[in-house]
Amino acid sequence: MSQANPTKVQINIYAENYVLYGDQTKAFRAVFPETKGTMQSVNTKASKLHKLVKVQSRIDELNCKLQEQTEK
């Protein structure tokens, strides 16, 4: 699947890695390890993926779950 139209699985992997590491590029590379290019181009692609509404929603869900677990 393409980076512009990620699958639910790719969104979930990205969101989990982003919540875990707090790094867009590291999360992006977990989903698309075959991506080649300069660090700047990879950072740009990671930023575009991060801005997708579907991705933001999943990150918010995971952050809420994490917050609930830490409150218990």
N, C-alpha and C. Protein backbone atom coordinates (compact mmCIF):
# COMPACT_ATOMS: atom_id res chain seq x y z
N MET A 1 0.85 -1.18 0.00
CA MET A 1 0.00 0.00 0.00
C MET A 1 0.89 1.23 0.00
N SER A 2 0.38 2.28 -0.56
CA SER A 2 1.18 3.49 -0.71
C SER A 2 1.22 4.31 0.58
N GLN A 3 2.18 5.18 0.64
CA GLN A 3 2.33 6.06 1.79
C GLN A 3 1.22 7.09 1.84
N ALA A 4 0.67 7.45 0.69
CA ALA A 4 -0.39 8.46 0.63
C ALA A 4 -1.73 7.90 1.08
N ASN A 5 -1.90 6.59 0.99
CA ASN A 5 -3.16 5.96 1.36
C ASN A 5 -2.85 4.72 2.21
N PRO A 6 -2.44 4.92 3.47
CA PRO A 6 -2.03 3.78 4.29
C PRO A 6 -3.21 2.90 4.71
N THR A 7 -2.93 1.63 4.91
CA THR A 7 -3.95 0.69 5.39
C THR A 7 -4.15 0.89 6.90
N LYS A 8 -5.17 0.25 7.44
CA LYS A 8 -5.42 0.33 8.88
C LYS A 8 -4.25 -0.26 9.66
N VAL A 9 -3.69 -1.32 9.14
CA VAL A 9 -2.54 -1.96 9.80
C VAL A 9 -1.36 -0.99 9.83
N GLN A 10 -1.08 -0.34 8.71
CA GLN A 10 0.03 0.62 8.66
C GLN A 10 -0.23 1.80 9.60
N ILE A 11 -1.46 2.27 9.64
CA ILE A 11 -1.80 3.37 10.54
C ILE A 11 -1.57 2.94 11.98
N ASN A 12 -1.99 1.74 12.32
CA ASN A 12 -1.83 1.25 13.69
C ASN A 12 -0.35 1.10 14.06
N ILE A 13 0.43 0.54 13.16
CA ILE A 13 1.86 0.38 13.42
C ILE A 13 2.53 1.75 13.62
N TYR A 14 2.20 2.68 12.74
CA TYR A 14 2.78 4.03 12.85
C TYR A 14 2.39 4.65 14.20
N ALA A 15 1.10 4.60 14.52
CA ALA A 15 0.61 5.24 15.74
C ALA A 15 1.24 4.62 16.99
N GLU A 16 1.32 3.30 17.02
CA GLU A 16 1.93 2.63 18.17
C GLU A 16 3.39 3.03 18.33
N ASN A 17 4.12 3.05 17.23
CA ASN A 17 5.53 3.43 17.30
C ASN A 17 5.69 4.90 17.66
N TYR A 18 4.81 5.74 17.17
CA TYR A 18 4.90 7.16 17.50
C TYR A 18 4.64 7.38 18.99
N VAL A 19 3.61 6.72 19.52
CA VAL A 19 3.29 6.86 20.94
C VAL A 19 4.44 6.29 21.79
N LEU A 20 5.01 5.20 21.35
CA LEU A 20 6.09 4.56 22.09
C LEU A 20 7.38 5.39 22.08
N TYR A 21 7.77 5.89 20.91
CA TYR A 21 9.06 6.58 20.78
C TYR A 21 8.96 8.10 20.68
N GLY A 22 7.79 8.62 20.29
CA GLY A 22 7.64 10.06 20.15
C GLY A 22 8.41 10.64 18.98
N ASP A 23 8.69 9.82 17.98
CA ASP A 23 9.51 10.24 16.85
C ASP A 23 8.81 9.85 15.55
N GLN A 24 8.44 10.85 14.76
CA GLN A 24 7.73 10.60 13.50
C GLN A 24 8.56 9.77 12.53
N THR A 25 9.82 10.10 12.41
CA THR A 25 10.68 9.40 11.44
C THR A 25 10.88 7.94 11.83
N LYS A 26 11.11 7.68 13.10
CA LYS A 26 11.29 6.31 13.56
C LYS A 26 10.01 5.50 13.34
N ALA A 27 8.87 6.11 13.62
CA ALA A 27 7.58 5.44 13.41
C ALA A 27 7.35 5.19 11.92
N PHE A 28 7.70 6.15 11.09
CA PHE A 28 7.53 6.01 9.64
C PHE A 28 8.38 4.86 9.12
N ARG A 29 9.62 4.78 9.59
CA ARG A 29 10.52 3.71 9.14
C ARG A 29 10.03 2.33 9.59
N ALA A 30 9.29 2.27 10.70
CA ALA A 30 8.72 0.99 11.15
C ALA A 30 7.66 0.50 10.17
N VAL A 31 6.96 1.44 9.53
CA VAL A 31 5.91 1.09 8.58
C VAL A 31 6.48 0.89 7.18
N PHE A 32 7.40 1.76 6.78
CA PHE A 32 7.97 1.73 5.43
C PHE A 32 9.50 1.61 5.51
N PRO A 33 10.01 0.46 5.93
CA PRO A 33 11.47 0.33 6.09
C PRO A 33 12.23 0.39 4.76
N GLU A 34 11.54 0.15 3.67
CA GLU A 34 12.21 0.14 2.36
C GLU A 34 12.37 1.53 1.76
N THR A 35 11.83 2.55 2.44
CA THR A 35 11.90 3.92 1.93
C THR A 35 13.35 4.38 1.83
N LYS A 36 13.68 4.89 0.67
CA LYS A 36 15.03 5.40 0.45
C LYS A 36 14.96 6.91 0.26
N GLY A 37 16.07 7.56 0.41
CA GLY A 37 16.14 9.00 0.22
C GLY A 37 16.91 9.65 1.35
N THR A 38 17.03 10.96 1.25
CA THR A 38 17.74 11.70 2.28
C THR A 38 16.91 11.75 3.55
N MET A 39 17.54 12.08 4.65
CA MET A 39 16.81 12.21 5.92
C MET A 39 15.72 13.26 5.79
N GLN A 40 16.00 14.31 5.05
CA GLN A 40 15.01 15.38 4.88
C GLN A 40 13.78 14.86 4.14
N SER A 41 13.99 14.07 3.11
CA SER A 41 12.84 13.56 2.35
C SER A 41 12.04 12.56 3.19
N VAL A 42 12.72 11.74 3.98
CA VAL A 42 12.03 10.79 4.85
C VAL A 42 11.25 11.56 5.93
N ASN A 43 11.86 12.59 6.48
CA ASN A 43 11.17 13.42 7.48
C ASN A 43 9.92 14.06 6.89
N THR A 44 10.01 14.51 5.65
CA THR A 44 8.86 15.13 4.98
C THR A 44 7.74 14.11 4.79
N LYS A 45 8.10 12.92 4.36
CA LYS A 45 7.09 11.86 4.17
C LYS A 45 6.46 11.47 5.51
N ALA A 46 7.27 11.40 6.55
CA ALA A 46 6.76 11.07 7.88
C ALA A 46 5.80 12.14 8.37
N SER A 47 6.14 13.38 8.12
CA SER A 47 5.28 14.50 8.53
C SER A 47 3.94 14.47 7.80
N LYS A 48 3.97 14.16 6.52
CA LYS A 48 2.72 14.07 5.74
C LYS A 48 1.84 12.95 6.27
N LEU A 49 2.44 11.80 6.58
CA LEU A 49 1.68 10.69 7.13
C LEU A 49 1.09 11.07 8.49
N HIS A 50 1.89 11.72 9.30
CA HIS A 50 1.47 12.10 10.65
C HIS A 50 0.27 13.06 10.64
N LYS A 51 0.17 13.87 9.60
CA LYS A 51 -0.90 14.86 9.52
C LYS A 51 -2.25 14.29 9.07
N LEU A 52 -2.27 13.06 8.61
CA LEU A 52 -3.52 12.46 8.16
C LEU A 52 -4.48 12.32 9.34
N VAL A 53 -5.75 12.63 9.11
CA VAL A 53 -6.76 12.59 10.16
C VAL A 53 -6.87 11.20 10.77
N LYS A 54 -6.83 10.17 9.93
CA LYS A 54 -6.93 8.79 10.41
C LYS A 54 -5.78 8.47 11.37
N VAL A 55 -4.61 8.97 11.05
CA VAL A 55 -3.44 8.71 11.89
C VAL A 55 -3.57 9.47 13.21
N GLN A 56 -3.95 10.73 13.13
CA GLN A 56 -4.12 11.53 14.34
C GLN A 56 -5.17 10.92 15.27
N SER A 57 -6.25 10.42 14.70
CA SER A 57 -7.30 9.80 15.51
C SER A 57 -6.77 8.58 16.24
N ARG A 58 -6.00 7.76 15.56
CA ARG A 58 -5.45 6.56 16.19
C ARG A 58 -4.44 6.92 17.27
N ILE A 59 -3.63 7.92 17.04
CA ILE A 59 -2.66 8.36 18.05
C ILE A 59 -3.41 8.86 19.29
N ASP A 60 -4.48 9.63 19.08
CA ASP A 60 -5.28 10.12 20.20
C ASP A 60 -5.90 8.97 21.00
N GLU A 61 -6.41 7.96 20.29
CA GLU A 61 -6.98 6.78 20.96
C GLU A 61 -5.94 6.09 21.83
N LEU A 62 -4.76 5.89 21.26
CA LEU A 62 -3.70 5.21 22.01
C LEU A 62 -3.24 6.03 23.21
N ASN A 63 -3.15 7.33 23.04
CA ASN A 63 -2.75 8.20 24.15
C ASN A 63 -3.79 8.16 25.27
N CYS A 64 -5.07 8.12 24.91
CA CYS A 64 -6.14 8.03 25.92
C CYS A 64 -6.06 6.71 26.67
N LYS A 65 -5.85 5.62 25.94
CA LYS A 65 -5.72 4.31 26.59
C LYS A 65 -4.51 4.29 27.53
N LEU A 66 -3.42 4.85 27.08
CA LEU A 66 -2.21 4.89 27.89
C LEU A 66 -2.44 5.72 29.16
N GLN A 67 -3.12 6.83 29.01
CA GLN A 67 -3.40 7.69 30.16
C GLN A 67 -4.31 6.98 31.15
N GLU A 68 -5.32 6.28 30.65
CA GLU A 68 -6.22 5.52 31.53
C GLU A 68 -5.46 4.45 32.29
N GLN A 69 -4.55 3.77 31.61
CA GLN A 69 -3.78 2.71 32.26
C GLN A 69 -2.86 3.26 33.33
N THR A 70 -2.28 4.41 33.11
CA THR A 70 -1.36 4.98 34.07
C THR A 70 -2.11 5.54 35.28
N GLU A 71 -3.38 5.89 35.11
CA GLU A 71 -4.18 6.41 36.21
C GLU A 71 -4.63 5.31 37.16
N LYS A 72 -4.66 4.07 36.68
CA LYS A 72 -5.13 2.95 37.51
C LYS A 72 -4.10 2.52 38.51
